[in-house]
Amino acid sequence: MNIHLCKGDETLEQALEYINEHDKEGRKYTFDKEKDRCYIGDEAFATAPCIINYKNNYWALHYAE
């Protein structure tokens, strides 16, 4: 699992763009702002291939199809 920590005024959309541009294996990710919010210790957090930490809130990314 990778965790991306948002920097300063970086938005969730900018974080996703950065992750998609810099994935070492060329994978692309996506998420839904409402449905994919998760919490430390829940199943979505534990099984996500990548997490965005935005102001101490977490979003579980999943592979784009």
PDB file of N, CA and C in Angstrom:
ATOM      1  N   MET A   1       0.848  -1.175   0.000  1.00  0.00           N
ATOM      2  CA  MET A   1       0.000   0.000   0.000  1.00  0.00           C
ATOM      3  C   MET A   1       0.894   1.239   0.000  1.00  0.00           C
ATOM      4  N   ASN A   2       0.514   2.206  -0.784  1.00  0.00           N
ATOM      5  CA  ASN A   2       1.174   3.509  -0.800  1.00  0.00           C
ATOM      6  C   ASN A   2       0.249   4.528  -0.146  1.00  0.00           C
ATOM      7  N   ILE A   3       0.845   5.482   0.544  1.00  0.00           N
ATOM      8  CA  ILE A   3       0.076   6.574   1.139  1.00  0.00           C
ATOM      9  C   ILE A   3       0.634   7.882   0.614  1.00  0.00           C
ATOM     10  N   HIS A   4      -0.249   8.700   0.057  1.00  0.00           N
ATOM     11  CA  HIS A   4       0.142  10.018  -0.443  1.00  0.00           C
ATOM     12  C   HIS A   4      -0.326  11.064   0.556  1.00  0.00           C
ATOM     13  N   LEU A   5       0.608  11.837   1.082  1.00  0.00           N
ATOM     14  CA  LEU A   5       0.276  12.928   1.996  1.00  0.00           C
ATOM     15  C   LEU A   5       0.140  14.209   1.186  1.00  0.00           C
ATOM     16  N   CYS A   6      -1.034  14.816   1.199  1.00  0.00           N
ATOM     17  CA  CYS A   6      -1.236  16.068   0.475  1.00  0.00           C
ATOM     18  C   CYS A   6      -0.379  17.160   1.103  1.00  0.00           C
ATOM     19  N   LYS A   7       0.174  17.983   0.245  1.00  0.00           N
ATOM     20  CA  LYS A   7       1.053  19.056   0.691  1.00  0.00           C
ATOM     21  C   LYS A   7       0.335  20.398   0.611  1.00  0.00           C
ATOM     22  N   GLY A   8       0.399  21.177   1.674  1.00  0.00           N
ATOM     23  CA  GLY A   8      -0.127  22.542   1.667  1.00  0.00           C
ATOM     24  C   GLY A   8      -1.535  22.647   1.138  1.00  0.00           C
ATOM     25  N   ASP A   9      -1.656  23.348   0.017  1.00  0.00           N
ATOM     26  CA  ASP A   9      -2.978  23.581  -0.567  1.00  0.00           C
ATOM     27  C   ASP A   9      -3.310  22.597  -1.689  1.00  0.00           C
ATOM     28  N   GLU A  10      -2.594  21.488  -1.759  1.00  0.00           N
ATOM     29  CA  GLU A  10      -2.860  20.465  -2.770  1.00  0.00           C
ATOM     30  C   GLU A  10      -4.275  19.906  -2.577  1.00  0.00           C
ATOM     31  N   THR A  11      -5.029  19.804  -3.658  1.00  0.00           N
ATOM     32  CA  THR A  11      -6.392  19.272  -3.602  1.00  0.00           C
ATOM     33  C   THR A  11      -6.374  17.756  -3.806  1.00  0.00           C
ATOM     34  N   LEU A  12      -7.500  17.123  -3.541  1.00  0.00           N
ATOM     35  CA  LEU A  12      -7.612  15.688  -3.794  1.00  0.00           C
ATOM     36  C   LEU A  12      -7.390  15.373  -5.269  1.00  0.00           C
ATOM     37  N   GLU A  13      -7.921  16.206  -6.136  1.00  0.00           N
ATOM     38  CA  GLU A  13      -7.770  15.989  -7.571  1.00  0.00           C
ATOM     39  C   GLU A  13      -6.307  16.111  -7.994  1.00  0.00           C
ATOM     40  N   GLN A  14      -5.592  17.083  -7.436  1.00  0.00           N
ATOM     41  CA  GLN A  14      -4.171  17.233  -7.741  1.00  0.00           C
ATOM     42  C   GLN A  14      -3.372  16.048  -7.216  1.00  0.00           C
ATOM     43  N   ALA A  15      -3.739  15.559  -6.047  1.00  0.00           N
ATOM     44  CA  ALA A  15      -3.062  14.392  -5.478  1.00  0.00           C
ATOM     45  C   ALA A  15      -3.254  13.178  -6.382  1.00  0.00           C
ATOM     46  N   LEU A  16      -4.477  12.949  -6.846  1.00  0.00           N
ATOM     47  CA  LEU A  16      -4.750  11.825  -7.735  1.00  0.00           C
ATOM     48  C   LEU A  16      -3.951  11.960  -9.028  1.00  0.00           C
ATOM     49  N   GLU A  17      -3.906  13.149  -9.577  1.00  0.00           N
ATOM     50  CA  GLU A  17      -3.140  13.384 -10.801  1.00  0.00           C
ATOM     51  C   GLU A  17      -1.660  13.064 -10.577  1.00  0.00           C
ATOM     52  N   TYR A  18      -1.111  13.513  -9.464  1.00  0.00           N
ATOM     53  CA  TYR A  18       0.294  13.251  -9.142  1.00  0.00           C
ATOM     54  C   TYR A  18       0.545  11.747  -9.011  1.00  0.00           C
ATOM     55  N   ILE A  19      -0.327  11.060  -8.289  1.00  0.00           N
ATOM     56  CA  ILE A  19      -0.181   9.615  -8.094  1.00  0.00           C
ATOM     57  C   ILE A  19      -0.217   8.892  -9.436  1.00  0.00           C
ATOM     58  N   ASN A  20      -1.173   9.250 -10.290  1.00  0.00           N
ATOM     59  CA  ASN A  20      -1.295   8.601 -11.598  1.00  0.00           C
ATOM     60  C   ASN A  20      -0.091   8.881 -12.490  1.00  0.00           C
ATOM     61  N   GLU A  21       0.491  10.054 -12.392  1.00  0.00           N
ATOM     62  CA  GLU A  21       1.652  10.398 -13.216  1.00  0.00           C
ATOM     63  C   GLU A  21       2.938   9.739 -12.727  1.00  0.00           C
ATOM     64  N   HIS A  22       3.017   9.420 -11.436  1.00  0.00           N
ATOM     65  CA  HIS A  22       4.275   8.947 -10.865  1.00  0.00           C
ATOM     66  C   HIS A  22       4.258   7.493 -10.392  1.00  0.00           C
ATOM     67  N   ASP A  23       3.216   6.739 -10.695  1.00  0.00           N
ATOM     68  CA  ASP A  23       3.194   5.336 -10.288  1.00  0.00           C
ATOM     69  C   ASP A  23       4.296   4.585 -11.029  1.00  0.00           C
ATOM     70  N   LYS A  24       5.143   3.899 -10.285  1.00  0.00           N
ATOM     71  CA  LYS A  24       6.311   3.224 -10.867  1.00  0.00           C
ATOM     72  C   LYS A  24       5.942   2.127 -11.849  1.00  0.00           C
ATOM     73  N   GLU A  25       4.768   1.545 -11.700  1.00  0.00           N
ATOM     74  CA  GLU A  25       4.346   0.465 -12.586  1.00  0.00           C
ATOM     75  C   GLU A  25       3.339   0.931 -13.633  1.00  0.00           C
ATOM     76  N   GLY A  26       3.093   2.228 -13.712  1.00  0.00           N
ATOM     77  CA  GLY A  26       2.205   2.778 -14.720  1.00  0.00           C
ATOM     78  C   GLY A  26       0.726   2.548 -14.466  1.00  0.00           C
ATOM     79  N   ARG A  27       0.373   2.175 -13.246  1.00  0.00           N
ATOM     80  CA  ARG A  27      -1.035   1.939 -12.920  1.00  0.00           C
ATOM     81  C   ARG A  27      -1.770   3.267 -12.787  1.00  0.00           C
ATOM     82  N   LYS A  28      -3.053   3.225 -13.055  1.00  0.00           N
ATOM     83  CA  LYS A  28      -3.912   4.397 -12.907  1.00  0.00           C
ATOM     84  C   LYS A  28      -4.957   4.105 -11.844  1.00  0.00           C
ATOM     85  N   TYR A  29      -5.257   5.119 -11.059  1.00  0.00           N
ATOM     86  CA  TYR A  29      -6.182   4.982  -9.940  1.00  0.00           C
ATOM     87  C   TYR A  29      -7.336   5.962 -10.094  1.00  0.00           C
ATOM     88  N   THR A  30      -8.387   5.694  -9.346  1.00  0.00           N
ATOM     89  CA  THR A  30      -9.533   6.583  -9.292  1.00  0.00           C
ATOM     90  C   THR A  30     -10.176   6.444  -7.910  1.00  0.00           C
ATOM     91  N   PHE A  31     -11.084   7.349  -7.598  1.00  0.00           N
ATOM     92  CA  PHE A  31     -11.839   7.258  -6.354  1.00  0.00           C
ATOM     93  C   PHE A  31     -13.064   8.148  -6.451  1.00  0.00           C
ATOM     94  N   ASP A  32     -14.008   7.907  -5.578  1.00  0.00           N
ATOM     95  CA  ASP A  32     -15.216   8.711  -5.462  1.00  0.00           C
ATOM     96  C   ASP A  32     -15.121   9.458  -4.135  1.00  0.00           C
ATOM     97  N   LYS A  33     -15.225  10.786  -4.180  1.00  0.00           N
ATOM     98  CA  LYS A  33     -15.061  11.598  -2.963  1.00  0.00           C
ATOM     99  C   LYS A  33     -16.015  11.195  -1.847  1.00  0.00           C
ATOM    100  N   GLU A  34     -17.190  10.751  -2.198  1.00  0.00           N
ATOM    101  CA  GLU A  34     -18.194  10.413  -1.188  1.00  0.00           C
ATOM    102  C   GLU A  34     -18.087   8.955  -0.740  1.00  0.00           C
ATOM    103  N   LYS A  35     -17.965   8.045  -1.688  1.00  0.00           N
ATOM    104  CA  LYS A  35     -18.020   6.615  -1.374  1.00  0.00           C
ATOM    105  C   LYS A  35     -16.697   6.046  -0.873  1.00  0.00           C
ATOM    106  N   ASP A  36     -15.584   6.640  -1.246  1.00  0.00           N
ATOM    107  CA  ASP A  36     -14.287   6.033  -0.947  1.00  0.00           C
ATOM    108  C   ASP A  36     -13.555   6.654   0.235  1.00  0.00           C
ATOM    109  N   ARG A  37     -14.233   7.503   0.994  1.00  0.00           N
ATOM    110  CA  ARG A  37     -13.613   7.998   2.221  1.00  0.00           C
ATOM    111  C   ARG A  37     -13.517   6.824   3.186  1.00  0.00           C
ATOM    112  N   CYS A  38     -12.397   6.711   3.868  1.00  0.00           N
ATOM    113  CA  CYS A  38     -12.200   5.574   4.762  1.00  0.00           C
ATOM    114  C   CYS A  38     -11.524   6.027   6.045  1.00  0.00           C
ATOM    115  N   TYR A  39     -11.383   5.082   6.947  1.00  0.00           N
ATOM    116  CA  TYR A  39     -10.822   5.365   8.268  1.00  0.00           C
ATOM    117  C   TYR A  39      -9.748   4.334   8.585  1.00  0.00           C
ATOM    118  N   ILE A  40      -8.753   4.743   9.354  1.00  0.00           N
ATOM    119  CA  ILE A  40      -7.681   3.834   9.747  1.00  0.00           C
ATOM    120  C   ILE A  40      -8.299   2.609  10.410  1.00  0.00           C
ATOM    121  N   GLY A  41      -7.906   1.449   9.932  1.00  0.00           N
ATOM    122  CA  GLY A  41      -8.375   0.201  10.526  1.00  0.00           C
ATOM    123  C   GLY A  41      -9.579  -0.421   9.855  1.00  0.00           C
ATOM    124  N   ASP A  42     -10.308   0.335   9.007  1.00  0.00           N
ATOM    125  CA  ASP A  42     -11.447  -0.309   8.352  1.00  0.00           C
ATOM    126  C   ASP A  42     -10.973  -1.100   7.131  1.00  0.00           C
ATOM    127  N   GLU A  43     -11.858  -1.901   6.570  1.00  0.00           N
ATOM    128  CA  GLU A  43     -11.485  -2.796   5.477  1.00  0.00           C
ATOM    129  C   GLU A  43     -11.014  -2.038   4.242  1.00  0.00           C
ATOM    130  N   ALA A  44     -11.673  -0.947   3.892  1.00  0.00           N
ATOM    131  CA  ALA A  44     -11.274  -0.170   2.718  1.00  0.00           C
ATOM    132  C   ALA A  44      -9.848   0.355   2.878  1.00  0.00           C
ATOM    133  N   PHE A  45      -9.510   0.821   4.055  1.00  0.00           N
ATOM    134  CA  PHE A  45      -8.159   1.326   4.329  1.00  0.00           C
ATOM    135  C   PHE A  45      -7.145   0.190   4.222  1.00  0.00           C
ATOM    136  N   ALA A  46      -7.475  -0.945   4.811  1.00  0.00           N
ATOM    137  CA  ALA A  46      -6.545  -2.069   4.866  1.00  0.00           C
ATOM    138  C   ALA A  46      -6.296  -2.717   3.509  1.00  0.00           C
ATOM    139  N   THR A  47      -7.265  -2.650   2.602  1.00  0.00           N
ATOM    140  CA  THR A  47      -7.133  -3.360   1.329  1.00  0.00           C
ATOM    141  C   THR A  47      -6.851  -2.455   0.135  1.00  0.00           C
ATOM    142  N   ALA A  48      -6.830  -1.152   0.328  1.00  0.00           N
ATOM    143  CA  ALA A  48      -6.609  -0.226  -0.788  1.00  0.00           C
ATOM    144  C   ALA A  48      -5.165  -0.305  -1.277  1.00  0.00           C
ATOM    145  N   PRO A  49      -4.966  -0.243  -2.590  1.00  0.00           N
ATOM    146  CA  PRO A  49      -3.595  -0.235  -3.096  1.00  0.00           C
ATOM    147  C   PRO A  49      -2.897   1.101  -2.841  1.00  0.00           C
ATOM    148  N   CYS A  50      -3.686   2.145  -2.631  1.00  0.00           N
ATOM    149  CA  CYS A  50      -3.131   3.476  -2.388  1.00  0.00           C
ATOM    150  C   CYS A  50      -4.143   4.289  -1.583  1.00  0.00           C
ATOM    151  N   ILE A  51      -3.622   5.112  -0.680  1.00  0.00           N
ATOM    152  CA  ILE A  51      -4.448   5.961   0.182  1.00  0.00           C
ATOM    153  C   ILE A  51      -4.011   7.408  -0.013  1.00  0.00           C
ATOM    154  N   ILE A  52      -4.973   8.320  -0.046  1.00  0.00           N
ATOM    155  CA  ILE A  52      -4.659   9.751   0.000  1.00  0.00           C
ATOM    156  C   ILE A  52      -4.999  10.246   1.399  1.00  0.00           C
ATOM    157  N   ASN A  53      -4.035  10.913   2.028  1.00  0.00           N
ATOM    158  CA  ASN A  53      -4.249  11.562   3.323  1.00  0.00           C
ATOM    159  C   ASN A  53      -4.370  13.052   3.030  1.00  0.00           C
ATOM    160  N   TYR A  54      -5.574  13.582   3.185  1.00  0.00           N
ATOM    161  CA  TYR A  54      -5.856  14.995   2.939  1.00  0.00           C
ATOM    162  C   TYR A  54      -6.375  15.599   4.234  1.00  0.00           C
ATOM    163  N   LYS A  55      -5.536  16.381   4.883  1.00  0.00           N
ATOM    164  CA  LYS A  55      -5.893  17.050   6.144  1.00  0.00           C
ATOM    165  C   LYS A  55      -6.418  16.054   7.179  1.00  0.00           C
ATOM    166  N   ASN A  56      -5.685  14.950   7.329  1.00  0.00           N
ATOM    167  CA  ASN A  56      -6.011  13.880   8.278  1.00  0.00           C
ATOM    168  C   ASN A  56      -7.340  13.181   7.999  1.00  0.00           C
ATOM    169  N   ASN A  57      -7.794  13.243   6.756  1.00  0.00           N
ATOM    170  CA  ASN A  57      -8.917  12.452   6.270  1.00  0.00           C
ATOM    171  C   ASN A  57      -8.355  11.551   5.181  1.00  0.00           C
ATOM    172  N   TYR A  58      -8.927  10.369   5.034  1.00  0.00           N
ATOM    173  CA  TYR A  58      -8.358   9.365   4.143  1.00  0.00           C
ATOM    174  C   TYR A  58      -9.342   8.946   3.062  1.00  0.00           C
ATOM    175  N   TRP A  59      -8.798   8.728   1.853  1.00  0.00           N
ATOM    176  CA  TRP A  59      -9.563   8.200   0.730  1.00  0.00           C
ATOM    177  C   TRP A  59      -8.839   6.998   0.177  1.00  0.00           C
ATOM    178  N   ALA A  60      -9.584   5.911  -0.014  1.00  0.00           N
ATOM    179  CA  ALA A  60      -9.038   4.673  -0.559  1.00  0.00           C
ATOM    180  C   ALA A  60      -9.170   4.707  -2.079  1.00  0.00           C
ATOM    181  N   LEU A  61      -8.047   4.636  -2.756  1.00  0.00           N
ATOM    182  CA  LEU A  61      -8.065   4.603  -4.215  1.00  0.00           C
ATOM    183  C   LEU A  61      -8.236   3.166  -4.683  1.00  0.00           C
ATOM    184  N   HIS A  62      -8.757   3.016  -5.884  1.00  0.00           N
ATOM    185  CA  HIS A  62      -8.832   1.702  -6.510  1.00  0.00           C
ATOM    186  C   HIS A  62      -8.385   1.855  -7.945  1.00  0.00           C
ATOM    187  N   TYR A  63      -8.041   0.735  -8.565  1.00  0.00           N
ATOM    188  CA  TYR A  63      -7.524   0.769  -9.927  1.00  0.00           C
ATOM    189  C   TYR A  63      -8.606   1.227 -10.900  1.00  0.00           C
ATOM    190  N   ALA A  64      -8.218   2.108 -11.814  1.00  0.00           N
ATOM    191  CA  ALA A  64      -9.127   2.565 -12.867  1.00  0.00           C
ATOM    192  C   ALA A  64      -9.209   1.470 -13.927  1.00  0.00           C
ATOM    193  N   GLU A  65     -10.355   1.334 -14.528  1.00  0.00           N
ATOM    194  CA  GLU A  65     -10.534   0.302 -15.562  1.00  0.00           C
ATOM    195  C   GLU A  65     -10.349   0.864 -16.937  1.00  0.00           C
TER     196      GLU A  65
END
